[in-house]
Each structure stands twice: as structure tokens, then as C-alpha cells.
Amino acid sequence: MGVQQYIVILEANTPPQITLGQNICGATVTKLEKAKQELVTAAQLAKMHNISVDTIRRKLSSINQGTIGKALYDPELASGILQGASSKRGRKRAS
């Protein structure tokens, strides 16, 4: 009987602390790769961040990977840009 391969899928916010050659439960890690991230639409981002679709298209026009009619974005890059921007309300303070 030869060597068999098993695939384990991990989902986490940070990369797991696994190294090549590490022994896990009697098996040796021989390959690590990151899964490709699916692109999301402006409507999906609007639902996640509670912002209008027009605002998302305006703020993320630099990272649009789709067409003008169908805007597609990398969710990691988009979240970083949208969370960094906070809208300030009201008039400026008088000194």
C-alpha cells in the first residue's frame, strides 16, 4: 500500500502556525497553499459594510477588477479601504 494524500481545509483570520515537514497526528505536511479568494460585487460589499452601492463604487474604483457595469472587488483589499475611511458628521469646531 502506497502513501495516501489527505486534504485539510482551514479557515482563519490569521495564517495557521503550520510548517512544511511538521508531523501532525502521524502525518507529515508536504504542501501548503492559500486558496484563491473569490471576487465580490459592490452589492455584497454594501450589505457587509452598510454603505450604499454608489459609495462603494466611488471609493473602490481604483481596485475594480470587473467591468464598469459589473464591478468586482477583492474582499480583503476592499474591507481594508472601507474600514479605514470614517465619515465625520457635523460642522467643524470653532477654535
PDB file of N, CA and C in Angstrom:
ATOM      1  N   MET A   1       0.842  -1.166   0.000  1.00  0.00           N
ATOM      2  CA  MET A   1       0.000   0.000   0.000  1.00  0.00           C
ATOM      3  C   MET A   1       0.891   1.234   0.000  1.00  0.00           C
ATOM      4  N   GLY A   2       0.619   2.182  -0.898  1.00  0.00           N
ATOM      5  CA  GLY A   2       1.437   3.384  -1.042  1.00  0.00           C
ATOM      6  C   GLY A   2       0.988   4.500  -0.115  1.00  0.00           C
ATOM      7  N   VAL A   3       1.634   5.642  -0.271  1.00  0.00           N
ATOM      8  CA  VAL A   3       1.311   6.810   0.534  1.00  0.00           C
ATOM      9  C   VAL A   3       0.013   7.423   0.015  1.00  0.00           C
ATOM     10  N   GLN A   4      -0.885   7.760   0.916  1.00  0.00           N
ATOM     11  CA  GLN A   4      -2.138   8.392   0.538  1.00  0.00           C
ATOM     12  C   GLN A   4      -2.091   9.866   0.916  1.00  0.00           C
ATOM     13  N   GLN A   5      -2.793  10.684   0.143  1.00  0.00           N
ATOM     14  CA  GLN A   5      -2.838  12.117   0.405  1.00  0.00           C
ATOM     15  C   GLN A   5      -4.190  12.479   0.988  1.00  0.00           C
ATOM     16  N   TYR A   6      -4.173  13.401   1.948  1.00  0.00           N
ATOM     17  CA  TYR A   6      -5.382  13.910   2.563  1.00  0.00           C
ATOM     18  C   TYR A   6      -5.363  15.428   2.471  1.00  0.00           C
ATOM     19  N   ILE A   7      -6.514  16.036   2.266  1.00  0.00           N
ATOM     20  CA  ILE A   7      -6.616  17.490   2.156  1.00  0.00           C
ATOM     21  C   ILE A   7      -7.384  18.000   3.371  1.00  0.00           C
ATOM     22  N   VAL A   8      -6.802  18.985   4.041  1.00  0.00           N
ATOM     23  CA  VAL A   8      -7.434  19.613   5.190  1.00  0.00           C
ATOM     24  C   VAL A   8      -7.640  21.082   4.846  1.00  0.00           C
ATOM     25  N   ILE A   9      -8.841  21.586   5.047  1.00  0.00           N
ATOM     26  CA  ILE A   9      -9.137  22.983   4.745  1.00  0.00           C
ATOM     27  C   ILE A   9      -9.306  23.730   6.059  1.00  0.00           C
ATOM     28  N   LEU A  10      -8.524  24.799   6.236  1.00  0.00           N
ATOM     29  CA  LEU A  10      -8.588  25.627   7.434  1.00  0.00           C
ATOM     30  C   LEU A  10      -9.061  27.017   7.043  1.00  0.00           C
ATOM     31  N   GLU A  11      -9.982  27.571   7.823  1.00  0.00           N
ATOM     32  CA  GLU A  11     -10.430  28.939   7.605  1.00  0.00           C
ATOM     33  C   GLU A  11     -10.117  29.738   8.862  1.00  0.00           C
ATOM     34  N   ALA A  12      -9.349  30.826   8.691  1.00  0.00           N
ATOM     35  CA  ALA A  12      -8.950  31.641   9.844  1.00  0.00           C
ATOM     36  C   ALA A  12      -8.641  33.053   9.383  1.00  0.00           C
ATOM     37  N   ASN A  13      -8.683  33.985  10.331  1.00  0.00           N
ATOM     38  CA  ASN A  13      -8.330  35.374  10.028  1.00  0.00           C
ATOM     39  C   ASN A  13      -6.827  35.555   9.905  1.00  0.00           C
ATOM     40  N   THR A  14      -6.055  34.719  10.591  1.00  0.00           N
ATOM     41  CA  THR A  14      -4.604  34.782  10.517  1.00  0.00           C
ATOM     42  C   THR A  14      -4.077  33.458   9.985  1.00  0.00           C
ATOM     43  N   PRO A  15      -2.909  33.452   9.353  1.00  0.00           N
ATOM     44  CA  PRO A  15      -2.362  32.195   8.830  1.00  0.00           C
ATOM     45  C   PRO A  15      -2.089  31.202   9.956  1.00  0.00           C
ATOM     46  N   PRO A  16      -2.326  29.924   9.733  1.00  0.00           N
ATOM     47  CA  PRO A  16      -2.072  28.926  10.779  1.00  0.00           C
ATOM     48  C   PRO A  16      -0.572  28.741  11.010  1.00  0.00           C
ATOM     49  N   GLN A  17      -0.214  28.299  12.193  1.00  0.00           N
ATOM     50  CA  GLN A  17       1.183  28.082  12.559  1.00  0.00           C
ATOM     51  C   GLN A  17       1.588  26.646  12.209  1.00  0.00           C
ATOM     52  N   ILE A  18       1.619  26.355  10.920  1.00  0.00           N
ATOM     53  CA  ILE A  18       1.981  25.034  10.408  1.00  0.00           C
ATOM     54  C   ILE A  18       3.175  25.220   9.482  1.00  0.00           C
ATOM     55  N   THR A  19       4.173  24.345   9.607  1.00  0.00           N
ATOM     56  CA  THR A  19       5.347  24.432   8.750  1.00  0.00           C
ATOM     57  C   THR A  19       5.502  23.158   7.926  1.00  0.00           C
ATOM     58  N   LEU A  20       6.198  23.268   6.818  1.00  0.00           N
ATOM     59  CA  LEU A  20       6.459  22.096   5.992  1.00  0.00           C
ATOM     60  C   LEU A  20       7.332  21.113   6.771  1.00  0.00           C
ATOM     61  N   GLY A  21       7.006  19.859   6.646  1.00  0.00           N
ATOM     62  CA  GLY A  21       7.757  18.830   7.348  1.00  0.00           C
ATOM     63  C   GLY A  21       7.266  18.570   8.758  1.00  0.00           C
ATOM     64  N   GLN A  22       6.317  19.364   9.219  1.00  0.00           N
ATOM     65  CA  GLN A  22       5.789  19.190  10.566  1.00  0.00           C
ATOM     66  C   GLN A  22       4.968  17.899  10.640  1.00  0.00           C
ATOM     67  N   ASN A  23       5.044  17.214  11.767  1.00  0.00           N
ATOM     68  CA  ASN A  23       4.306  15.978  11.972  1.00  0.00           C
ATOM     69  C   ASN A  23       3.018  16.294  12.731  1.00  0.00           C
ATOM     70  N   ILE A  24       1.874  16.049  12.098  1.00  0.00           N
ATOM     71  CA  ILE A  24       0.575  16.303  12.706  1.00  0.00           C
ATOM     72  C   ILE A  24      -0.213  15.000  12.713  1.00  0.00           C
ATOM     73  N   CYS A  25      -0.471  14.466  13.890  1.00  0.00           N
ATOM     74  CA  CYS A  25      -1.273  13.234  14.065  1.00  0.00           C
ATOM     75  C   CYS A  25      -0.744  12.092  13.210  1.00  0.00           C
ATOM     76  N   GLY A  26       0.558  11.933  13.122  1.00  0.00           N
ATOM     77  CA  GLY A  26       1.154  10.837  12.380  1.00  0.00           C
ATOM     78  C   GLY A  26       1.323  11.090  10.892  1.00  0.00           C
ATOM     79  N   ALA A  27       0.998  12.286  10.427  1.00  0.00           N
ATOM     80  CA  ALA A  27       1.156  12.639   9.009  1.00  0.00           C
ATOM     81  C   ALA A  27       2.150  13.788   8.891  1.00  0.00           C
ATOM     82  N   THR A  28       2.870  13.855   7.770  1.00  0.00           N
ATOM     83  CA  THR A  28       3.857  14.898   7.534  1.00  0.00           C
ATOM     84  C   THR A  28       3.298  15.915   6.546  1.00  0.00           C
ATOM     85  N   VAL A  29       3.431  17.205   6.865  1.00  0.00           N
ATOM     86  CA  VAL A  29       2.964  18.284   5.987  1.00  0.00           C
ATOM     87  C   VAL A  29       3.953  18.422   4.839  1.00  0.00           C
ATOM     88  N   THR A  30       3.478  18.246   3.591  1.00  0.00           N
ATOM     89  CA  THR A  30       4.350  18.331   2.425  1.00  0.00           C
ATOM     90  C   THR A  30       4.017  19.501   1.516  1.00  0.00           C
ATOM     91  N   LYS A  31       2.849  20.111   1.688  1.00  0.00           N
ATOM     92  CA  LYS A  31       2.459  21.197   0.792  1.00  0.00           C
ATOM     93  C   LYS A  31       1.507  22.132   1.533  1.00  0.00           C
ATOM     94  N   LEU A  32       1.744  23.440   1.421  1.00  0.00           N
ATOM     95  CA  LEU A  32       0.860  24.463   1.962  1.00  0.00           C
ATOM     96  C   LEU A  32       0.545  25.442   0.845  1.00  0.00           C
ATOM     97  N   GLU A  33      -0.706  25.768   0.661  1.00  0.00           N
ATOM     98  CA  GLU A  33      -1.059  26.794  -0.318  1.00  0.00           C
ATOM     99  C   GLU A  33      -2.310  27.519   0.132  1.00  0.00           C
ATOM    100  N   LYS A  34      -2.397  28.776  -0.240  1.00  0.00           N
ATOM    101  CA  LYS A  34      -3.537  29.606   0.115  1.00  0.00           C
ATOM    102  C   LYS A  34      -4.581  29.495  -0.995  1.00  0.00           C
ATOM    103  N   ALA A  35      -5.817  29.332  -0.604  1.00  0.00           N
ATOM    104  CA  ALA A  35      -6.898  29.229  -1.584  1.00  0.00           C
ATOM    105  C   ALA A  35      -7.141  30.594  -2.226  1.00  0.00           C
ATOM    106  N   LYS A  36      -7.501  30.576  -3.487  1.00  0.00           N
ATOM    107  CA  LYS A  36      -7.792  31.828  -4.180  1.00  0.00           C
ATOM    108  C   LYS A  36      -9.067  32.440  -3.616  1.00  0.00           C
ATOM    109  N   GLN A  37      -9.032  33.751  -3.453  1.00  0.00           N
ATOM    110  CA  GLN A  37     -10.176  34.469  -2.917  1.00  0.00           C
ATOM    111  C   GLN A  37     -11.138  34.800  -4.045  1.00  0.00           C
ATOM    112  N   GLU A  38     -12.393  34.533  -3.835  1.00  0.00           N
ATOM    113  CA  GLU A  38     -13.413  34.863  -4.836  1.00  0.00           C
ATOM    114  C   GLU A  38     -13.670  36.369  -4.807  1.00  0.00           C
ATOM    115  N   LEU A  39     -13.939  36.942  -5.954  1.00  0.00           N
ATOM    116  CA  LEU A  39     -14.264  38.359  -6.028  1.00  0.00           C
ATOM    117  C   LEU A  39     -15.720  38.567  -5.634  1.00  0.00           C
ATOM    118  N   VAL A  40     -16.012  39.708  -5.026  1.00  0.00           N
ATOM    119  CA  VAL A  40     -17.379  40.011  -4.600  1.00  0.00           C
ATOM    120  C   VAL A  40     -17.872  41.251  -5.324  1.00  0.00           C
ATOM    121  N   THR A  41     -19.189  41.383  -5.408  1.00  0.00           N
ATOM    122  CA  THR A  41     -19.795  42.520  -6.092  1.00  0.00           C
ATOM    123  C   THR A  41     -19.943  43.697  -5.134  1.00  0.00           C
ATOM    124  N   ALA A  42     -20.270  44.849  -5.707  1.00  0.00           N
ATOM    125  CA  ALA A  42     -20.483  46.044  -4.898  1.00  0.00           C
ATOM    126  C   ALA A  42     -21.704  45.865  -4.002  1.00  0.00           C
ATOM    127  N   ALA A  43     -22.717  45.146  -4.469  1.00  0.00           N
ATOM    128  CA  ALA A  43     -23.911  44.916  -3.661  1.00  0.00           C
ATOM    129  C   ALA A  43     -23.599  44.064  -2.432  1.00  0.00           C
ATOM    130  N   GLN A  44     -22.755  43.068  -2.594  1.00  0.00           N
ATOM    131  CA  GLN A  44     -22.370  42.233  -1.447  1.00  0.00           C
ATOM    132  C   GLN A  44     -21.570  43.042  -0.429  1.00  0.00           C
ATOM    133  N   LEU A  45     -20.666  43.900  -0.912  1.00  0.00           N
ATOM    134  CA  LEU A  45     -19.901  44.761  -0.003  1.00  0.00           C
ATOM    135  C   LEU A  45     -20.804  45.773   0.689  1.00  0.00           C
ATOM    136  N   ALA A  46     -21.802  46.277  -0.027  1.00  0.00           N
ATOM    137  CA  ALA A  46     -22.742  47.229   0.562  1.00  0.00           C
ATOM    138  C   ALA A  46     -23.516  46.587   1.707  1.00  0.00           C
ATOM    139  N   LYS A  47     -23.880  45.335   1.540  1.00  0.00           N
ATOM    140  CA  LYS A  47     -24.608  44.623   2.590  1.00  0.00           C
ATOM    141  C   LYS A  47     -23.702  44.365   3.796  1.00  0.00           C
ATOM    142  N   MET A  48     -22.425  44.041   3.553  1.00  0.00           N
ATOM    143  CA  MET A  48     -21.500  43.745   4.651  1.00  0.00           C
ATOM    144  C   MET A  48     -21.131  44.998   5.449  1.00  0.00           C
ATOM    145  N   HIS A  49     -20.963  46.144   4.770  1.00  0.00           N
ATOM    146  CA  HIS A  49     -20.464  47.360   5.424  1.00  0.00           C
ATOM    147  C   HIS A  49     -21.546  48.405   5.673  1.00  0.00           C
ATOM    148  N   ASN A  50     -22.777  48.121   5.281  1.00  0.00           N
ATOM    149  CA  ASN A  50     -23.909  49.035   5.485  1.00  0.00           C
ATOM    150  C   ASN A  50     -23.649  50.409   4.856  1.00  0.00           C
ATOM    151  N   ILE A  51     -23.176  50.383   3.605  1.00  0.00           N
ATOM    152  CA  ILE A  51     -22.895  51.589   2.825  1.00  0.00           C
ATOM    153  C   ILE A  51     -23.607  51.417   1.487  1.00  0.00           C
ATOM    154  N   SER A  52     -23.952  52.503   0.823  1.00  0.00           N
ATOM    155  CA  SER A  52     -24.633  52.397  -0.463  1.00  0.00           C
ATOM    156  C   SER A  52     -23.687  51.866  -1.550  1.00  0.00           C
ATOM    157  N   VAL A  53     -24.281  51.274  -2.572  1.00  0.00           N
ATOM    158  CA  VAL A  53     -23.511  50.705  -3.678  1.00  0.00           C
ATOM    159  C   VAL A  53     -22.736  51.798  -4.411  1.00  0.00           C
ATOM    160  N   ASP A  54     -23.360  52.967  -4.585  1.00  0.00           N
ATOM    161  CA  ASP A  54     -22.687  54.071  -5.269  1.00  0.00           C
ATOM    162  C   ASP A  54     -21.438  54.532  -4.506  1.00  0.00           C
ATOM    163  N   THR A  55     -21.532  54.585  -3.189  1.00  0.00           N
ATOM    164  CA  THR A  55     -20.380  54.977  -2.367  1.00  0.00           C
ATOM    165  C   THR A  55     -19.255  53.960  -2.498  1.00  0.00           C
ATOM    166  N   ILE A  56     -19.608  52.694  -2.511  1.00  0.00           N
ATOM    167  CA  ILE A  56     -18.590  51.650  -2.645  1.00  0.00           C
ATOM    168  C   ILE A  56     -17.914  51.745  -4.000  1.00  0.00           C
ATOM    169  N   ARG A  57     -18.672  51.915  -5.057  1.00  0.00           N
ATOM    170  CA  ARG A  57     -18.065  52.029  -6.393  1.00  0.00           C
ATOM    171  C   ARG A  57     -17.154  53.249  -6.482  1.00  0.00           C
ATOM    172  N   ARG A  58     -17.544  54.347  -5.845  1.00  0.00           N
ATOM    173  CA  ARG A  58     -16.729  55.562  -5.880  1.00  0.00           C
ATOM    174  C   ARG A  58     -15.435  55.375  -5.092  1.00  0.00           C
ATOM    175  N   LYS A  59     -15.519  54.795  -3.892  1.00  0.00           N
ATOM    176  CA  LYS A  59     -14.334  54.643  -3.050  1.00  0.00           C
ATOM    177  C   LYS A  59     -13.387  53.556  -3.552  1.00  0.00           C
ATOM    178  N   LEU A  60     -13.931  52.537  -4.205  1.00  0.00           N
ATOM    179  CA  LEU A  60     -13.108  51.399  -4.621  1.00  0.00           C
ATOM    180  C   LEU A  60     -12.857  51.358  -6.128  1.00  0.00           C
ATOM    181  N   SER A  61     -12.995  52.475  -6.797  1.00  0.00           N
ATOM    182  CA  SER A  61     -12.795  52.486  -8.249  1.00  0.00           C
ATOM    183  C   SER A  61     -11.372  52.105  -8.637  1.00  0.00           C
ATOM    184  N   SER A  62     -10.411  52.333  -7.763  1.00  0.00           N
ATOM    185  CA  SER A  62      -9.015  52.024  -8.086  1.00  0.00           C
ATOM    186  C   SER A  62      -8.717  50.520  -8.055  1.00  0.00           C
ATOM    187  N   ILE A  63      -9.513  49.716  -7.344  1.00  0.00           N
ATOM    188  CA  ILE A  63      -9.245  48.278  -7.263  1.00  0.00           C
ATOM    189  C   ILE A  63     -10.321  47.450  -7.963  1.00  0.00           C
ATOM    190  N   ASN A  64     -11.124  48.067  -8.817  1.00  0.00           N
ATOM    191  CA  ASN A  64     -12.170  47.351  -9.549  1.00  0.00           C
ATOM    192  C   ASN A  64     -11.534  46.355 -10.516  1.00  0.00           C
ATOM    193  N   GLN A  65     -11.935  45.085 -10.434  1.00  0.00           N
ATOM    194  CA  GLN A  65     -11.395  44.056 -11.310  1.00  0.00           C
ATOM    195  C   GLN A  65     -12.424  43.555 -12.309  1.00  0.00           C
ATOM    196  N   GLY A  66     -13.583  44.171 -12.330  1.00  0.00           N
ATOM    197  CA  GLY A  66     -14.620  43.787 -13.280  1.00  0.00           C
ATOM    198  C   GLY A  66     -14.765  44.853 -14.347  1.00  0.00           C
ATOM    199  N   THR A  67     -15.930  44.925 -14.936  1.00  0.00           N
ATOM    200  CA  THR A  67     -16.214  45.947 -15.944  1.00  0.00           C
ATOM    201  C   THR A  67     -16.917  47.116 -15.267  1.00  0.00           C
ATOM    202  N   ILE A  68     -17.245  48.138 -16.047  1.00  0.00           N
ATOM    203  CA  ILE A  68     -17.944  49.293 -15.472  1.00  0.00           C
ATOM    204  C   ILE A  68     -19.347  48.895 -15.037  1.00  0.00           C
ATOM    205  N   GLY A  69     -19.999  48.044 -15.799  1.00  0.00           N
ATOM    206  CA  GLY A  69     -21.343  47.606 -15.435  1.00  0.00           C
ATOM    207  C   GLY A  69     -21.355  46.590 -14.306  1.00  0.00           C
ATOM    208  N   LYS A  70     -20.346  45.748 -14.223  1.00  0.00           N
ATOM    209  CA  LYS A  70     -20.276  44.701 -13.196  1.00  0.00           C
ATOM    210  C   LYS A  70     -18.979  44.885 -12.419  1.00  0.00           C
ATOM    211  N   ALA A  71     -19.030  45.640 -11.348  1.00  0.00           N
ATOM    212  CA  ALA A  71     -17.845  45.924 -10.551  1.00  0.00           C
ATOM    213  C   ALA A  71     -17.562  44.753  -9.604  1.00  0.00           C
ATOM    214  N   LEU A  72     -16.347  44.211  -9.670  1.00  0.00           N
ATOM    215  CA  LEU A  72     -15.939  43.104  -8.808  1.00  0.00           C
ATOM    216  C   LEU A  72     -14.701  43.520  -8.026  1.00  0.00           C
ATOM    217  N   TYR A  73     -14.654  43.146  -6.742  1.00  0.00           N
ATOM    218  CA  TYR A  73     -13.575  43.584  -5.871  1.00  0.00           C
ATOM    219  C   TYR A  73     -13.032  42.418  -5.058  1.00  0.00           C
ATOM    220  N   ASP A  74     -11.743  42.514  -4.703  1.00  0.00           N
ATOM    221  CA  ASP A  74     -11.121  41.575  -3.773  1.00  0.00           C
ATOM    222  C   ASP A  74     -11.631  41.945  -2.379  1.00  0.00           C
ATOM    223  N   PRO A  75     -12.279  41.018  -1.659  1.00  0.00           N
ATOM    224  CA  PRO A  75     -12.889  41.389  -0.382  1.00  0.00           C
ATOM    225  C   PRO A  75     -11.894  41.838   0.694  1.00  0.00           C
ATOM    226  N   GLU A  76     -10.678  41.307   0.692  1.00  0.00           N
ATOM    227  CA  GLU A  76      -9.693  41.715   1.698  1.00  0.00           C
ATOM    228  C   GLU A  76      -9.244  43.153   1.479  1.00  0.00           C
ATOM    229  N   LEU A  77      -8.914  43.502   0.228  1.00  0.00           N
ATOM    230  CA  LEU A  77      -8.499  44.873  -0.073  1.00  0.00           C
ATOM    231  C   LEU A  77      -9.644  45.855   0.165  1.00  0.00           C
ATOM    232  N   ALA A  78     -10.833  45.466  -0.257  1.00  0.00           N
ATOM    233  CA  ALA A  78     -11.992  46.349  -0.122  1.00  0.00           C
ATOM    234  C   ALA A  78     -12.305  46.629   1.346  1.00  0.00           C
ATOM    235  N   SER A  79     -12.254  45.604   2.179  1.00  0.00           N
ATOM    236  CA  SER A  79     -12.541  45.801   3.608  1.00  0.00           C
ATOM    237  C   SER A  79     -11.508  46.714   4.253  1.00  0.00           C
ATOM    238  N   GLY A  80     -10.253  46.566   3.852  1.00  0.00           N
ATOM    239  CA  GLY A  80      -9.210  47.439   4.391  1.00  0.00           C
ATOM    240  C   GLY A  80      -9.437  48.895   4.042  1.00  0.00           C
ATOM    241  N   ILE A  81      -9.850  49.158   2.816  1.00  0.00           N
ATOM    242  CA  ILE A  81     -10.090  50.535   2.382  1.00  0.00           C
ATOM    243  C   ILE A  81     -11.358  51.096   3.033  1.00  0.00           C
ATOM    244  N   LEU A  82     -12.417  50.289   3.082  1.00  0.00           N
ATOM    245  CA  LEU A  82     -13.690  50.784   3.604  1.00  0.00           C
ATOM    246  C   LEU A  82     -13.670  50.970   5.124  1.00  0.00           C
ATOM    247  N   GLN A  83     -12.933  50.157   5.849  1.00  0.00           N
ATOM    248  CA  GLN A  83     -12.884  50.313   7.298  1.00  0.00           C
ATOM    249  C   GLN A  83     -11.974  51.456   7.709  1.00  0.00           C
ATOM    250  N   GLY A  84     -11.003  51.790   6.887  1.00  0.00           N
ATOM    251  CA  GLY A  84     -10.100  52.887   7.197  1.00  0.00           C
ATOM    252  C   GLY A  84     -10.761  54.244   7.033  1.00  0.00           C
ATOM    253  N   ALA A  85     -11.769  54.312   6.192  1.00  0.00           N
ATOM    254  CA  ALA A  85     -12.435  55.586   5.937  1.00  0.00           C
ATOM    255  C   ALA A  85     -13.619  55.750   6.885  1.00  0.00           C
ATOM    256  N   SER A  86     -13.582  56.784   7.680  1.00  0.00           N
ATOM    257  CA  SER A  86     -14.721  57.068   8.559  1.00  0.00           C
ATOM    258  C   SER A  86     -15.263  58.434   8.192  1.00  0.00           C
ATOM    259  N   SER A  87     -16.559  58.531   8.101  1.00  0.00           N
ATOM    260  CA  SER A  87     -17.166  59.802   7.722  1.00  0.00           C
ATOM    261  C   SER A  87     -17.398  60.639   8.972  1.00  0.00           C
ATOM    262  N   LYS A  88     -17.019  61.889   8.912  1.00  0.00           N
ATOM    263  CA  LYS A  88     -17.219  62.801  10.031  1.00  0.00           C
ATOM    264  C   LYS A  88     -18.473  63.610   9.756  1.00  0.00           C
ATOM    265  N   ARG A  89     -19.294  63.753  10.768  1.00  0.00           N
ATOM    266  CA  ARG A  89     -20.558  64.466  10.596  1.00  0.00           C
ATOM    267  C   ARG A  89     -20.524  65.796  11.355  1.00  0.00           C
ATOM    268  N   GLY A  90     -21.343  66.668  10.927  1.00  0.00           N
ATOM    269  CA  GLY A  90     -21.459  67.959  11.611  1.00  0.00           C
ATOM    270  C   GLY A  90     -20.420  68.963  11.138  1.00  0.00           C
ATOM    271  N   ARG A  91     -20.558  70.167  11.600  1.00  0.00           N
ATOM    272  CA  ARG A  91     -19.625  71.203  11.190  1.00  0.00           C
ATOM    273  C   ARG A  91     -18.353  71.144  12.002  1.00  0.00           C
ATOM    274  N   LYS A  92     -17.323  71.811  11.512  1.00  0.00           N
ATOM    275  CA  LYS A  92     -16.032  71.827  12.191  1.00  0.00           C
ATOM    276  C   LYS A  92     -16.122  72.648  13.470  1.00  0.00           C
ATOM    277  N   ARG A  93     -15.278  72.294  14.409  1.00  0.00           N
ATOM    278  CA  ARG A  93     -15.254  73.021  15.682  1.00  0.00           C
ATOM    279  C   ARG A  93     -14.689  74.424  15.501  1.00  0.00           C
ATOM    280  N   ALA A  94     -15.227  75.329  16.229  1.00  0.00           N
ATOM    281  CA  ALA A  94     -14.684  76.691  16.235  1.00  0.00           C
ATOM    282  C   ALA A  94     -13.611  76.768  17.308  1.00  0.00           C
ATOM    283  N   SER A  95     -12.482  77.338  16.955  1.00  0.00           N
ATOM    284  CA  SER A  95     -11.373  77.397  17.924  1.00  0.00           C
ATOM    285  C   SER A  95     -11.564  78.516  18.910  1.00  0.00           C
TER     286      SER A  95
END
